[in-house]
Amino acid sequence: MHFFAPFHRHLIRFFHLIRAPRGASLVLPALATAALVTLAGCASVKPQGPSTSNAATAVTAQTARAYHGRFAVQYTDSYGREQNAYGNFDWRETGDTVTVQMRNPLGQTMAIVTSSPASATLELPNRQPLTADNVSTLMQNALGFALPVEGLRYWLQPSVAPTSKARTVADPQEPSRPKQIDQDGWTIDYLAYAEAPASGVKRVNLTREEPPLSIKLVIDQ
């Protein structure tokens, strides 16, 4: 403020020396006042640094994965008979939502499963979509077997699910990756990994004793 004080006095004298035309007597003092306020504001306001708020610095991690492969399922139906189902599948994962499309060997859609924290949906050919709280209930009731979608989200990475305890056996050839995982009543056996330069799981078997269920997956890409 001390630096601008002499300039303020000269500015006021300048407006007093100007002869304003009739009707403009209120305009020039107002302009002078506005100019002084503007200069005073320029002298007192400090420049602001970059924002460090959470909104400005937060980074949202969005999970996005996709798998295409083949499946073979062996299960026991409600009558105690052994059944088989096999075909191709496409897995799409975005954030907390997983969509699995299962096709028979002829390429016809068998089922489309969508699972999210809020609900699960099962779409079957020529039928209205079915909705429930979890995908296991839907698949078990409609197909006779259920894919462990929530667990597979992690097992296909491959890693254990963070929601429960698990036992892991390391791969002797590469100790950083698992050879077997036991979790949530499932035994996950990793039979093959993709060779360089590709990476990830190539073949994996999942088995459960009660109710009996065996799932074999081959990841093509």
Protein backbone atom coordinates (compact mmCIF):
# COMPACT_ATOMS: atom_id res chain seq x y z
CA MET A 1 0.00 0.00 0.00
CA HIS A 2 2.88 2.48 0.65
CA PHE A 3 4.12 2.03 -2.91
CA PHE A 4 0.72 2.96 -4.42
CA ALA A 5 -0.10 5.93 -2.08
CA PRO A 6 1.67 8.69 -4.15
CA PHE A 7 0.11 7.33 -7.32
CA HIS A 8 -3.35 7.48 -5.66
CA ARG A 9 -2.89 11.20 -4.84
CA HIS A 10 -1.83 12.06 -8.42
CA LEU A 11 -4.77 10.11 -9.80
CA ILE A 12 -7.24 12.08 -7.61
CA ARG A 13 -5.69 15.43 -8.66
CA PHE A 14 -5.94 14.35 -12.30
CA PHE A 15 -9.70 13.77 -12.01
CA HIS A 16 -10.17 17.11 -10.20
CA LEU A 17 -8.33 19.03 -12.95
CA ILE A 18 -10.52 17.61 -15.72
CA ARG A 19 -13.55 19.77 -16.44
CA ALA A 20 -16.44 17.38 -16.76
CA PRO A 21 -19.32 18.27 -18.98
CA ARG A 22 -22.71 18.87 -17.41
CA GLY A 23 -24.34 15.61 -16.33
CA ALA A 24 -21.05 13.78 -15.98
CA SER A 25 -20.14 15.05 -12.51
CA LEU A 26 -21.19 11.79 -10.91
CA VAL A 27 -19.46 9.60 -13.47
CA LEU A 28 -15.84 10.72 -13.05
CA PRO A 29 -15.73 10.44 -9.26
CA ALA A 30 -17.23 7.00 -9.60
CA LEU A 31 -14.55 6.06 -12.12
CA ALA A 32 -11.88 7.40 -9.84
CA THR A 33 -13.22 5.41 -6.93
CA ALA A 34 -13.40 2.27 -9.03
CA ALA A 35 -9.83 2.76 -10.23
CA LEU A 36 -8.57 3.22 -6.69
CA VAL A 37 -10.41 0.14 -5.48
CA THR A 38 -8.98 -1.87 -8.36
CA LEU A 39 -5.43 -0.73 -7.64
CA ALA A 40 -5.84 -1.37 -3.94
CA GLY A 41 -7.10 -4.85 -4.72
CA CYS A 42 -4.15 -5.52 -7.02
CA ALA A 43 -1.75 -4.47 -4.29
CA SER A 44 -3.31 -6.57 -1.52
CA VAL A 45 -4.34 -9.86 -3.19
CA LYS A 46 -1.61 -12.52 -3.21
CA PRO A 47 -1.35 -14.95 -6.14
CA GLN A 48 -2.89 -18.33 -5.41
CA GLY A 49 -0.86 -21.52 -5.78
CA PRO A 50 -2.14 -24.73 -7.33
CA SER A 51 -5.01 -26.46 -5.54
CA THR A 52 -4.08 -29.35 -3.26
CA SER A 53 -7.63 -30.41 -2.39
CA ASN A 54 -8.62 -34.05 -2.53
CA ALA A 55 -10.93 -33.32 -5.45
CA ALA A 56 -8.04 -31.93 -7.49
CA THR A 57 -5.48 -34.59 -6.65
CA ALA A 58 -7.58 -37.76 -6.36
CA VAL A 59 -6.96 -40.38 -9.01
CA THR A 60 -9.67 -42.90 -9.80
CA ALA A 61 -8.44 -46.38 -10.70
CA GLN A 62 -10.84 -48.07 -13.07
CA THR A 63 -10.41 -51.79 -13.53
CA ALA A 64 -10.96 -53.07 -17.07
CA ARG A 65 -10.21 -56.65 -18.14
CA ALA A 66 -11.35 -58.95 -20.90
CA TYR A 67 -10.88 -62.67 -21.50
CA HIS A 68 -11.94 -64.96 -24.30
CA GLY A 69 -11.69 -68.71 -23.97
CA ARG A 70 -13.31 -72.12 -23.62
CA PHE A 71 -15.02 -73.83 -20.71
CA ALA A 72 -16.04 -77.34 -19.72
CA VAL A 73 -18.28 -77.94 -16.70
CA GLN A 74 -19.13 -81.21 -14.95
CA TYR A 75 -21.86 -81.05 -12.31
CA THR A 76 -24.55 -83.08 -10.59
CA ASP A 77 -28.12 -81.98 -11.20
CA SER A 78 -30.98 -81.94 -8.69
CA TYR A 79 -31.78 -85.58 -9.54
CA GLY A 80 -28.26 -86.75 -8.76
CA ARG A 81 -27.32 -87.24 -12.40
CA GLU A 82 -23.95 -86.16 -13.76
CA GLN A 83 -24.20 -83.49 -16.44
CA ASN A 84 -21.75 -81.76 -18.77
CA ALA A 85 -21.73 -78.34 -20.38
CA TYR A 86 -19.06 -76.86 -22.57
CA GLY A 87 -18.48 -74.10 -25.09
CA ASN A 88 -16.87 -70.67 -25.39
CA PHE A 89 -17.05 -67.63 -23.16
CA ASP A 90 -16.33 -63.90 -23.24
CA TRP A 91 -15.54 -62.14 -19.97
CA ARG A 92 -15.84 -58.35 -19.68
CA GLU A 93 -14.91 -56.63 -16.44
CA THR A 94 -15.29 -52.88 -15.83
CA GLY A 95 -14.89 -51.64 -12.28
CA ASP A 96 -17.13 -53.73 -10.04
CA THR A 97 -19.30 -55.05 -12.88
CA VAL A 98 -18.60 -58.36 -14.62
CA THR A 99 -20.42 -59.64 -17.70
CA VAL A 100 -19.91 -63.22 -18.88
CA GLN A 101 -21.40 -64.46 -22.14
CA MET A 102 -21.45 -68.24 -22.56
CA ARG A 103 -21.93 -69.86 -25.98
CA ASN A 104 -22.33 -73.47 -27.08
CA PRO A 105 -19.84 -75.00 -29.57
CA LEU A 106 -22.04 -73.77 -32.45
CA GLY A 107 -21.68 -70.17 -31.28
CA GLN A 108 -25.24 -69.83 -29.98
CA THR A 109 -25.66 -67.90 -26.74
CA MET A 110 -26.42 -70.13 -23.75
CA ALA A 111 -26.52 -67.41 -21.10
CA ILE A 112 -25.35 -63.88 -20.31
CA VAL A 113 -24.48 -63.20 -16.70
CA THR A 114 -24.03 -59.71 -15.29
CA SER A 115 -22.81 -59.32 -11.73
CA SER A 116 -22.37 -56.09 -9.73
CA PRO A 117 -22.39 -55.20 -6.02
CA ALA A 118 -26.00 -54.06 -6.31
CA SER A 119 -27.54 -57.04 -8.12
CA ALA A 120 -27.07 -59.88 -10.59
CA THR A 121 -28.87 -60.55 -13.86
CA LEU A 122 -29.11 -63.72 -15.94
CA GLU A 123 -30.32 -63.59 -19.54
CA LEU A 124 -31.38 -66.81 -21.24
CA PRO A 125 -32.49 -67.23 -24.88
CA ASN A 126 -36.16 -66.41 -25.44
CA ARG A 127 -36.78 -65.68 -21.75
CA GLN A 128 -37.21 -62.60 -19.64
CA PRO A 129 -34.04 -61.59 -17.70
CA LEU A 130 -33.83 -62.97 -14.17
CA THR A 131 -32.60 -60.82 -11.29
CA ALA A 132 -31.38 -61.71 -7.81
CA ASP A 133 -29.00 -60.51 -5.13
CA ASN A 134 -26.13 -62.71 -6.33
CA VAL A 135 -25.12 -64.46 -9.50
CA SER A 136 -24.62 -67.90 -7.89
CA THR A 137 -28.29 -68.20 -6.96
CA LEU A 138 -29.39 -67.26 -10.48
CA MET A 139 -27.09 -69.69 -12.27
CA GLN A 140 -27.72 -72.57 -9.88
CA ASN A 141 -31.50 -72.27 -10.26
CA ALA A 142 -31.53 -71.72 -14.02
CA LEU A 143 -28.54 -73.74 -15.29
CA GLY A 144 -27.93 -76.29 -12.56
CA PHE A 145 -24.44 -75.00 -11.83
CA ALA A 146 -22.85 -71.67 -10.86
CA LEU A 147 -19.60 -70.04 -11.89
CA PRO A 148 -17.75 -68.44 -8.95
CA VAL A 149 -17.71 -65.05 -10.68
CA GLU A 150 -16.67 -63.01 -7.64
CA GLY A 151 -13.73 -65.30 -6.95
CA LEU A 152 -12.74 -65.60 -10.60
CA ARG A 153 -12.25 -61.84 -10.76
CA TYR A 154 -9.12 -62.38 -8.67
CA TRP A 155 -8.17 -65.98 -9.47
CA LEU A 156 -7.76 -65.16 -13.17
CA GLN A 157 -5.25 -62.38 -12.41
CA PRO A 158 -3.94 -64.67 -10.69
CA SER A 159 -4.26 -63.79 -7.00
CA VAL A 160 -6.34 -64.63 -3.96
CA ALA A 161 -9.58 -62.75 -3.30
CA PRO A 162 -9.14 -60.21 -0.49
CA THR A 163 -12.49 -61.07 1.11
CA SER A 164 -11.51 -64.31 2.88
CA LYS A 165 -8.62 -66.47 4.01
CA ALA A 166 -6.80 -68.58 1.45
CA ARG A 167 -4.00 -71.12 1.19
CA THR A 168 -1.55 -70.66 -1.65
CA VAL A 169 1.07 -72.98 -3.15
CA ALA A 170 3.72 -71.19 -5.20
CA ASP A 171 4.68 -72.29 -8.69
CA PRO A 172 8.07 -74.09 -8.47
CA GLN A 173 9.11 -72.64 -11.84
CA GLU A 174 8.11 -69.09 -10.93
CA PRO A 175 7.59 -68.53 -7.16
CA SER A 176 5.96 -65.12 -7.74
CA ARG A 177 2.84 -66.77 -9.20
CA PRO A 178 0.57 -69.44 -7.66
CA LYS A 179 0.42 -73.08 -8.58
CA GLN A 180 -2.68 -73.69 -6.45
CA ILE A 181 -5.13 -71.67 -4.34
CA ASP A 182 -7.64 -73.02 -1.82
CA GLN A 183 -10.32 -70.47 -0.99
CA ASP A 184 -14.04 -70.33 -0.22
CA GLY A 185 -14.44 -74.10 -0.68
CA TRP A 186 -12.76 -74.04 -4.10
CA THR A 187 -9.45 -75.54 -5.20
CA ILE A 188 -7.92 -73.59 -8.07
CA ASP A 189 -5.17 -75.41 -9.98
CA TYR A 190 -3.09 -73.40 -12.45
CA LEU A 191 -2.04 -75.85 -15.16
CA ALA A 192 -0.38 -73.46 -17.60
CA TYR A 193 0.64 -69.85 -18.01
CA ALA A 194 1.07 -67.97 -21.27
CA GLU A 195 4.62 -67.86 -22.60
CA ALA A 196 6.50 -64.62 -23.24
CA PRO A 197 5.85 -62.09 -24.62
CA ALA A 198 2.26 -62.86 -23.54
CA SER A 199 1.43 -63.14 -19.85
CA GLY A 200 -1.34 -64.36 -17.57
CA VAL A 201 -3.21 -67.58 -16.94
CA LYS A 202 -3.56 -70.01 -19.85
CA ARG A 203 -5.27 -73.04 -18.29
CA VAL A 204 -6.94 -73.32 -14.89
CA ASN A 205 -9.15 -75.94 -13.23
CA LEU A 206 -11.60 -75.19 -10.41
CA THR A 207 -13.14 -77.93 -8.27
CA ARG A 208 -15.61 -77.94 -5.40
CA GLU A 209 -16.73 -80.91 -3.33
CA GLU A 210 -20.15 -79.76 -2.13
CA PRO A 211 -22.15 -79.61 -4.23
CA PRO A 212 -19.81 -81.40 -6.66
CA LEU A 213 -18.64 -79.12 -9.46
CA SER A 214 -15.66 -79.12 -11.80
CA ILE A 215 -14.83 -76.21 -14.12
CA LYS A 216 -12.03 -76.24 -16.70
CA LEU A 217 -11.06 -72.96 -18.36
CA VAL A 218 -8.70 -72.32 -21.26
CA ILE A 219 -7.88 -68.66 -21.86
CA ASP A 220 -7.21 -68.03 -25.54
CA GLN A 221 -6.66 -64.30 -25.21
